[in-house]
N, C-alpha and C. Protein backbone atom coordinates (compact mmCIF):
# COMPACT_ATOMS: atom_id res chain seq x y z
N MET A 1 0.88 -0.91 0.05
CA MET A 1 0.18 0.10 -0.04
C MET A 1 1.09 1.16 0.04
N PRO A 2 0.60 2.33 -0.81
CA PRO A 2 1.49 3.31 -0.84
C PRO A 2 1.23 4.07 0.45
N ASP A 3 2.17 5.11 0.76
CA ASP A 3 1.70 5.88 1.95
C ASP A 3 0.96 7.16 1.38
N LEU A 4 -0.39 7.23 2.12
CA LEU A 4 -1.16 8.35 1.97
C LEU A 4 -1.10 9.70 2.68
N GLY A 5 -0.06 9.50 3.63
CA GLY A 5 0.20 10.65 4.53
C GLY A 5 -0.61 10.54 5.67
N PRO A 6 -0.89 11.54 6.49
CA PRO A 6 -1.43 11.54 7.75
C PRO A 6 -3.09 11.62 7.53
N ARG A 7 -3.56 10.94 8.46
CA ARG A 7 -5.16 10.73 8.45
C ARG A 7 -5.74 12.24 8.66
N LEU A 8 -6.54 12.30 7.83
CA LEU A 8 -7.48 13.64 8.06
C LEU A 8 -8.49 13.57 9.00
N ARG A 9 -8.92 12.36 9.12
CA ARG A 9 -10.10 11.93 10.11
C ARG A 9 -9.61 10.87 11.16
N PRO A 10 -10.23 11.00 12.26
CA PRO A 10 -9.86 10.07 13.19
C PRO A 10 -10.35 8.59 12.82
N PRO A 11 -9.91 7.39 13.16
CA PRO A 11 -10.29 6.21 12.88
C PRO A 11 -11.75 6.11 13.59
N MET A 12 -12.50 5.29 12.86
CA MET A 12 -13.86 5.08 13.24
C MET A 12 -14.10 4.03 14.53
N ALA A 13 -14.54 4.28 15.32
CA ALA A 13 -14.58 3.36 16.55
C ALA A 13 -15.54 2.24 16.02
N ASP A 14 -15.39 1.11 16.85
CA ASP A 14 -16.46 -0.06 16.68
C ASP A 14 -18.02 0.26 16.69
N VAL A 15 -18.75 -0.08 15.76
CA VAL A 15 -20.11 0.14 15.73
C VAL A 15 -20.78 -0.76 16.82
N SER A 16 -21.52 -0.11 17.59
CA SER A 16 -22.50 -0.98 18.59
C SER A 16 -23.92 -0.33 18.75
N VAL A 17 -24.50 -0.95 19.32
CA VAL A 17 -26.16 -0.65 19.48
C VAL A 17 -26.47 -0.53 20.92
N GLN A 18 -27.36 0.29 21.29
CA GLN A 18 -27.63 0.17 22.87
C GLN A 18 -29.12 -0.16 22.86
N VAL A 19 -29.53 -0.55 23.89
CA VAL A 19 -30.82 -1.33 24.21
C VAL A 19 -31.65 -0.35 23.88
N GLY A 20 -31.43 1.01 24.60
CA GLY A 20 -32.67 2.03 24.41
C GLY A 20 -33.03 2.46 22.98
N GLU A 21 -31.66 2.61 22.24
CA GLU A 21 -31.66 3.29 20.93
C GLU A 21 -32.30 2.20 19.90
N LEU A 22 -32.29 0.73 20.02
CA LEU A 22 -32.87 -0.30 19.38
C LEU A 22 -34.27 -0.40 19.49
N ALA A 23 -34.52 -0.30 21.09
CA ALA A 23 -36.04 -0.07 21.23
C ALA A 23 -36.72 1.21 20.62
N LYS A 24 -36.31 2.28 20.59
CA LYS A 24 -36.64 3.36 19.96
C LYS A 24 -36.93 3.07 18.48
N LEU A 25 -35.99 2.55 17.70
CA LEU A 25 -35.85 2.27 16.16
C LEU A 25 -37.10 1.23 16.02
N LEU A 26 -37.27 0.38 17.13
CA LEU A 26 -38.38 -0.80 16.65
C LEU A 26 -39.57 -0.08 16.98
N ARG A 27 -39.92 0.71 17.91
CA ARG A 27 -41.05 1.69 18.27
C ARG A 27 -41.53 2.38 17.04
N ASN A 28 -40.52 2.86 16.36
CA ASN A 28 -41.02 3.75 15.21
C ASN A 28 -40.99 3.05 13.81
N ILE A 29 -40.92 1.75 13.85
CA ILE A 29 -41.25 1.15 12.58
C ILE A 29 -42.49 1.15 12.47
N ASN A 30 -43.01 1.53 10.97
CA ASN A 30 -44.39 1.70 10.58
C ASN A 30 -44.89 0.25 10.52
N PRO A 31 -46.08 -0.13 11.22
CA PRO A 31 -46.32 -1.52 11.17
C PRO A 31 -47.00 -2.18 9.95
N ASN A 32 -47.34 -0.98 9.00
CA ASN A 32 -48.21 -1.20 7.72
C ASN A 32 -47.17 -1.57 6.59
N LYS A 33 -45.68 -1.87 6.87
CA LYS A 33 -44.71 -2.03 5.91
C LYS A 33 -44.82 -3.61 5.47
N ALA A 34 -44.36 -3.96 4.37
CA ALA A 34 -44.53 -5.29 3.84
C ALA A 34 -43.43 -6.06 4.46
N VAL A 35 -43.88 -7.51 4.51
CA VAL A 35 -43.02 -8.56 5.01
C VAL A 35 -41.97 -8.53 4.17
N GLY A 36 -40.55 -8.85 4.43
CA GLY A 36 -39.40 -9.06 3.57
C GLY A 36 -39.26 -10.52 3.52
N PRO A 37 -38.08 -10.80 2.84
CA PRO A 37 -37.67 -12.13 2.58
C PRO A 37 -37.56 -12.93 4.01
N ASP A 38 -37.28 -12.44 4.98
CA ASP A 38 -37.30 -13.24 6.44
C ASP A 38 -38.56 -13.63 6.97
N ASN A 39 -39.57 -13.15 6.31
CA ASN A 39 -41.08 -13.31 6.85
C ASN A 39 -41.45 -12.71 8.30
N ILE A 40 -40.56 -11.65 8.64
CA ILE A 40 -40.83 -11.01 9.96
C ILE A 40 -41.37 -9.64 9.69
N SER A 41 -42.84 -9.70 10.16
CA SER A 41 -43.63 -8.34 9.78
C SER A 41 -43.20 -7.14 10.74
N ALA A 42 -43.34 -6.07 10.06
CA ALA A 42 -43.25 -4.81 10.73
C ALA A 42 -44.12 -4.88 12.22
N ARG A 43 -45.21 -5.10 11.84
CA ARG A 43 -45.92 -5.17 13.20
C ARG A 43 -45.42 -6.05 14.33
N PHE A 44 -44.96 -7.00 14.14
CA PHE A 44 -44.39 -8.09 15.12
C PHE A 44 -43.11 -7.24 15.44
N MET A 45 -42.31 -6.70 14.58
CA MET A 45 -41.03 -5.96 15.33
C MET A 45 -41.50 -4.85 16.16
N ASN A 46 -42.76 -4.15 15.76
CA ASN A 46 -43.02 -2.83 16.48
C ASN A 46 -43.48 -3.26 17.82
N GLU A 47 -44.26 -4.50 17.88
CA GLU A 47 -44.84 -5.11 19.12
C GLU A 47 -43.81 -5.38 20.10
N ILE A 48 -42.61 -6.28 19.48
CA ILE A 48 -41.90 -6.59 20.51
C ILE A 48 -40.87 -5.63 21.15
N ALA A 49 -40.88 -4.41 20.65
CA ALA A 49 -40.02 -3.43 21.19
C ALA A 49 -40.20 -3.41 22.69
N ALA A 50 -41.40 -3.26 23.10
CA ALA A 50 -41.44 -3.26 24.86
C ALA A 50 -41.18 -4.50 25.39
N GLU A 51 -41.56 -5.71 24.78
CA GLU A 51 -41.69 -6.80 25.35
C GLU A 51 -40.08 -7.83 25.39
N PHE A 52 -39.71 -7.72 24.32
CA PHE A 52 -38.49 -8.42 24.39
C PHE A 52 -37.32 -7.65 23.86
N GLU A 53 -37.13 -6.45 24.49
CA GLU A 53 -35.82 -5.76 24.15
C GLU A 53 -34.53 -6.52 24.12
N PRO A 54 -34.34 -7.32 24.98
CA PRO A 54 -32.82 -7.97 25.05
C PRO A 54 -32.56 -9.03 23.70
N THR A 55 -33.84 -9.92 23.35
CA THR A 55 -33.32 -10.62 22.18
C THR A 55 -33.07 -10.04 20.97
N PRO A 56 -33.70 -8.96 20.39
CA PRO A 56 -33.24 -8.61 18.95
C PRO A 56 -31.95 -7.69 19.55
N PHE A 57 -31.86 -7.12 20.66
CA PHE A 57 -30.43 -6.43 21.09
C PHE A 57 -29.38 -7.49 20.80
N LEU A 58 -29.52 -8.63 21.33
CA LEU A 58 -28.37 -9.42 21.33
C LEU A 58 -28.19 -9.89 20.08
N THR A 59 -28.96 -10.16 19.12
CA THR A 59 -28.88 -10.32 17.88
C THR A 59 -28.16 -9.39 16.98
N PHE A 60 -28.75 -8.18 17.08
CA PHE A 60 -27.97 -7.23 16.38
C PHE A 60 -26.62 -7.03 16.76
N GLN A 61 -26.50 -6.87 18.22
CA GLN A 61 -24.86 -6.79 18.65
C GLN A 61 -24.18 -7.89 18.42
N ALA A 62 -24.50 -8.97 18.23
CA ALA A 62 -23.64 -10.16 17.80
C ALA A 62 -23.33 -9.82 16.10
N SER A 63 -24.40 -9.34 15.51
CA SER A 63 -24.07 -9.19 14.10
C SER A 63 -22.96 -8.14 13.75
N LEU A 64 -23.12 -7.19 14.74
CA LEU A 64 -22.09 -5.98 14.57
C LEU A 64 -20.72 -6.52 15.02
N GLN A 65 -20.56 -7.15 16.12
CA GLN A 65 -19.28 -7.39 16.53
C GLN A 65 -18.77 -8.64 15.77
N GLN A 66 -19.69 -9.35 14.96
CA GLN A 66 -18.77 -10.51 14.25
C GLN A 66 -18.75 -9.91 12.82
N SER A 67 -19.24 -8.66 12.47
CA SER A 67 -19.26 -7.96 11.14
C SER A 67 -19.66 -8.82 10.08
N ALA A 68 -20.96 -9.47 10.32
CA ALA A 68 -21.54 -10.38 9.61
C ALA A 68 -23.05 -10.31 9.63
N LEU A 69 -23.69 -10.43 8.69
CA LEU A 69 -25.33 -10.47 8.54
C LEU A 69 -25.71 -11.76 8.25
N ARG A 70 -26.85 -12.17 8.67
CA ARG A 70 -27.53 -13.46 8.62
C ARG A 70 -27.80 -13.32 7.10
N ASN A 71 -27.65 -14.71 6.52
CA ASN A 71 -27.91 -14.56 4.94
C ASN A 71 -29.19 -14.32 4.54
N VAL A 72 -30.31 -14.50 5.35
CA VAL A 72 -31.55 -14.15 4.80
C VAL A 72 -31.87 -12.69 4.94
N TRP A 73 -31.00 -11.78 5.86
CA TRP A 73 -31.15 -10.43 5.92
C TRP A 73 -30.38 -9.91 4.75
N LYS A 74 -29.73 -10.40 3.91
CA LYS A 74 -29.13 -10.11 2.66
C LYS A 74 -29.88 -10.07 1.42
N GLU A 75 -31.04 -11.12 1.67
CA GLU A 75 -31.88 -11.30 0.38
C GLU A 75 -32.88 -10.12 0.06
N VAL A 76 -33.31 -10.29 -1.09
CA VAL A 76 -34.29 -8.88 -1.58
C VAL A 76 -35.43 -9.56 -2.40
N PHE A 77 -36.48 -9.07 -2.14
CA PHE A 77 -37.69 -9.36 -3.38
C PHE A 77 -37.47 -8.16 -4.20
N VAL A 78 -37.51 -8.45 -5.58
CA VAL A 78 -37.55 -7.19 -6.38
C VAL A 78 -38.84 -7.44 -7.36
N SER A 79 -39.32 -6.43 -7.42
CA SER A 79 -40.61 -6.56 -8.46
C SER A 79 -40.73 -5.48 -9.07
N PRO A 80 -40.78 -5.76 -10.49
CA PRO A 80 -41.17 -4.37 -11.47
C PRO A 80 -42.48 -3.96 -11.48
N ILE A 81 -42.45 -2.64 -11.26
CA ILE A 81 -43.78 -1.85 -11.10
C ILE A 81 -43.82 -1.07 -12.30
N LEU A 82 -44.88 -0.85 -13.14
CA LEU A 82 -45.11 -0.30 -14.23
C LEU A 82 -45.21 1.26 -13.71
N LYS A 83 -44.50 2.18 -14.62
CA LYS A 83 -44.68 3.68 -14.49
C LYS A 83 -45.75 4.10 -15.05
N LYS A 84 -45.61 3.95 -16.45
CA LYS A 84 -46.55 4.60 -17.64
C LYS A 84 -46.49 4.01 -18.87
N GLY A 85 -47.28 3.90 -19.63
CA GLY A 85 -47.23 3.63 -20.94
C GLY A 85 -47.34 2.10 -21.25
N ASP A 86 -46.64 1.76 -22.32
CA ASP A 86 -47.03 0.44 -22.96
C ASP A 86 -46.32 -0.72 -21.85
N ARG A 87 -47.02 -1.96 -21.56
CA ARG A 87 -46.57 -2.68 -20.59
C ARG A 87 -45.59 -3.66 -21.28
N SER A 88 -45.54 -3.51 -22.56
CA SER A 88 -44.57 -4.46 -23.34
C SER A 88 -42.93 -3.86 -23.17
N LYS A 89 -42.79 -2.62 -22.91
CA LYS A 89 -41.62 -2.05 -23.01
C LYS A 89 -41.02 -2.19 -21.73
N PRO A 90 -39.75 -2.44 -21.50
CA PRO A 90 -38.99 -2.75 -20.22
C PRO A 90 -38.86 -1.44 -19.71
N ALA A 91 -38.58 -0.19 -20.46
CA ALA A 91 -38.26 1.04 -20.04
C ALA A 91 -39.40 1.60 -19.19
N ASN A 92 -40.47 1.03 -19.37
CA ASN A 92 -41.78 1.70 -18.67
C ASN A 92 -41.86 1.15 -17.26
N TYR A 93 -40.93 0.37 -16.83
CA TYR A 93 -40.83 -0.12 -15.47
C TYR A 93 -39.99 0.48 -14.70
N ARG A 94 -40.03 0.55 -13.38
CA ARG A 94 -38.94 0.76 -12.35
C ARG A 94 -39.03 -0.49 -11.46
N LEU A 95 -37.85 -0.72 -10.61
CA LEU A 95 -37.87 -1.79 -9.74
C LEU A 95 -38.23 -1.28 -8.53
N LEU A 96 -38.73 -2.46 -7.74
CA LEU A 96 -39.10 -2.09 -6.34
C LEU A 96 -38.18 -3.32 -5.45
N SER A 97 -37.52 -2.76 -4.65
CA SER A 97 -36.80 -3.56 -3.71
C SER A 97 -37.19 -3.75 -2.40
N LEU A 98 -37.65 -5.06 -1.74
CA LEU A 98 -38.15 -5.28 -0.58
C LEU A 98 -37.09 -5.90 0.21
N THR A 99 -36.47 -5.36 1.21
CA THR A 99 -35.34 -6.01 1.90
C THR A 99 -36.03 -6.11 3.49
N CYS A 100 -35.16 -6.88 4.08
CA CYS A 100 -35.53 -7.16 5.62
C CYS A 100 -35.67 -6.03 6.45
N ILE A 101 -36.46 -6.25 7.44
CA ILE A 101 -36.67 -5.00 8.40
C ILE A 101 -35.37 -4.79 9.21
N CYS A 102 -34.75 -6.14 9.54
CA CYS A 102 -33.64 -6.02 10.51
C CYS A 102 -32.57 -5.73 9.75
N CYS A 103 -32.48 -5.91 8.38
CA CYS A 103 -31.02 -5.43 7.68
C CYS A 103 -31.45 -3.82 7.72
N LYS A 104 -32.68 -3.23 7.42
CA LYS A 104 -32.72 -1.92 7.24
C LYS A 104 -32.43 -1.13 8.85
N LEU A 105 -32.68 -1.74 10.12
CA LEU A 105 -32.36 -1.37 11.24
C LEU A 105 -30.73 -1.29 11.28
N ILE A 106 -30.26 -2.36 10.82
CA ILE A 106 -28.65 -2.40 11.01
C ILE A 106 -28.05 -1.38 10.33
N GLU A 107 -28.60 -1.27 8.84
CA GLU A 107 -28.23 -0.06 8.05
C GLU A 107 -28.16 1.28 8.73
N HIS A 108 -29.36 1.65 9.47
CA HIS A 108 -29.69 2.70 10.18
C HIS A 108 -28.51 3.02 11.32
N ILE A 109 -28.30 1.74 12.00
CA ILE A 109 -27.32 2.10 13.00
C ILE A 109 -26.25 2.40 12.72
N ILE A 110 -25.38 1.37 11.58
CA ILE A 110 -24.18 1.82 10.88
C ILE A 110 -24.19 3.18 10.51
N THR A 111 -25.17 3.68 9.79
CA THR A 111 -25.01 4.94 9.11
C THR A 111 -25.08 5.90 10.35
N SER A 112 -25.86 5.91 11.39
CA SER A 112 -25.73 6.94 12.29
C SER A 112 -24.62 6.74 12.95
N SER A 113 -23.78 5.80 13.03
CA SER A 113 -22.45 5.62 13.93
C SER A 113 -21.64 6.24 13.02
N VAL A 114 -21.54 6.09 11.67
CA VAL A 114 -20.71 6.95 10.70
C VAL A 114 -20.69 8.31 10.59
N MET A 115 -22.08 8.69 10.44
CA MET A 115 -22.38 10.29 10.45
C MET A 115 -21.86 10.87 11.73
N ASN A 116 -21.81 10.26 12.95
CA ASN A 116 -21.55 10.83 14.14
C ASN A 116 -19.99 11.03 14.52
N VAL A 117 -19.37 10.02 13.58
CA VAL A 117 -17.95 10.29 13.43
C VAL A 117 -17.45 11.34 12.53
N THR A 118 -18.21 11.67 11.29
CA THR A 118 -17.76 12.47 10.18
C THR A 118 -18.11 13.74 10.63
N THR A 119 -18.93 14.03 11.37
CA THR A 119 -19.29 15.25 11.70
C THR A 119 -18.75 16.06 12.97
């Protein structure tokens, strides 16, 4: 690796999740969101926020510590949605990607952590 000179920004600390932060994210999930490839509904995730805080917390924390996601969290349902015009032309469609709610929450936690370091 070539020497790029001194670092302009401090190194990023390990990403972690707090129980209260995760509970807040779970409570703020829109319960009407569609079910992703993991078949876990948004309503279920929203309702367990108060009842079972430690269970999703331990799962998310283990995922962050191991720098690994469960394979099902990486899966995506992709559906073509007609924008307008002739149904026989592929250019008239847009793709709709439906990912797992757990993956979206992990993305939010990582993004928040990165944004806190860079600001």
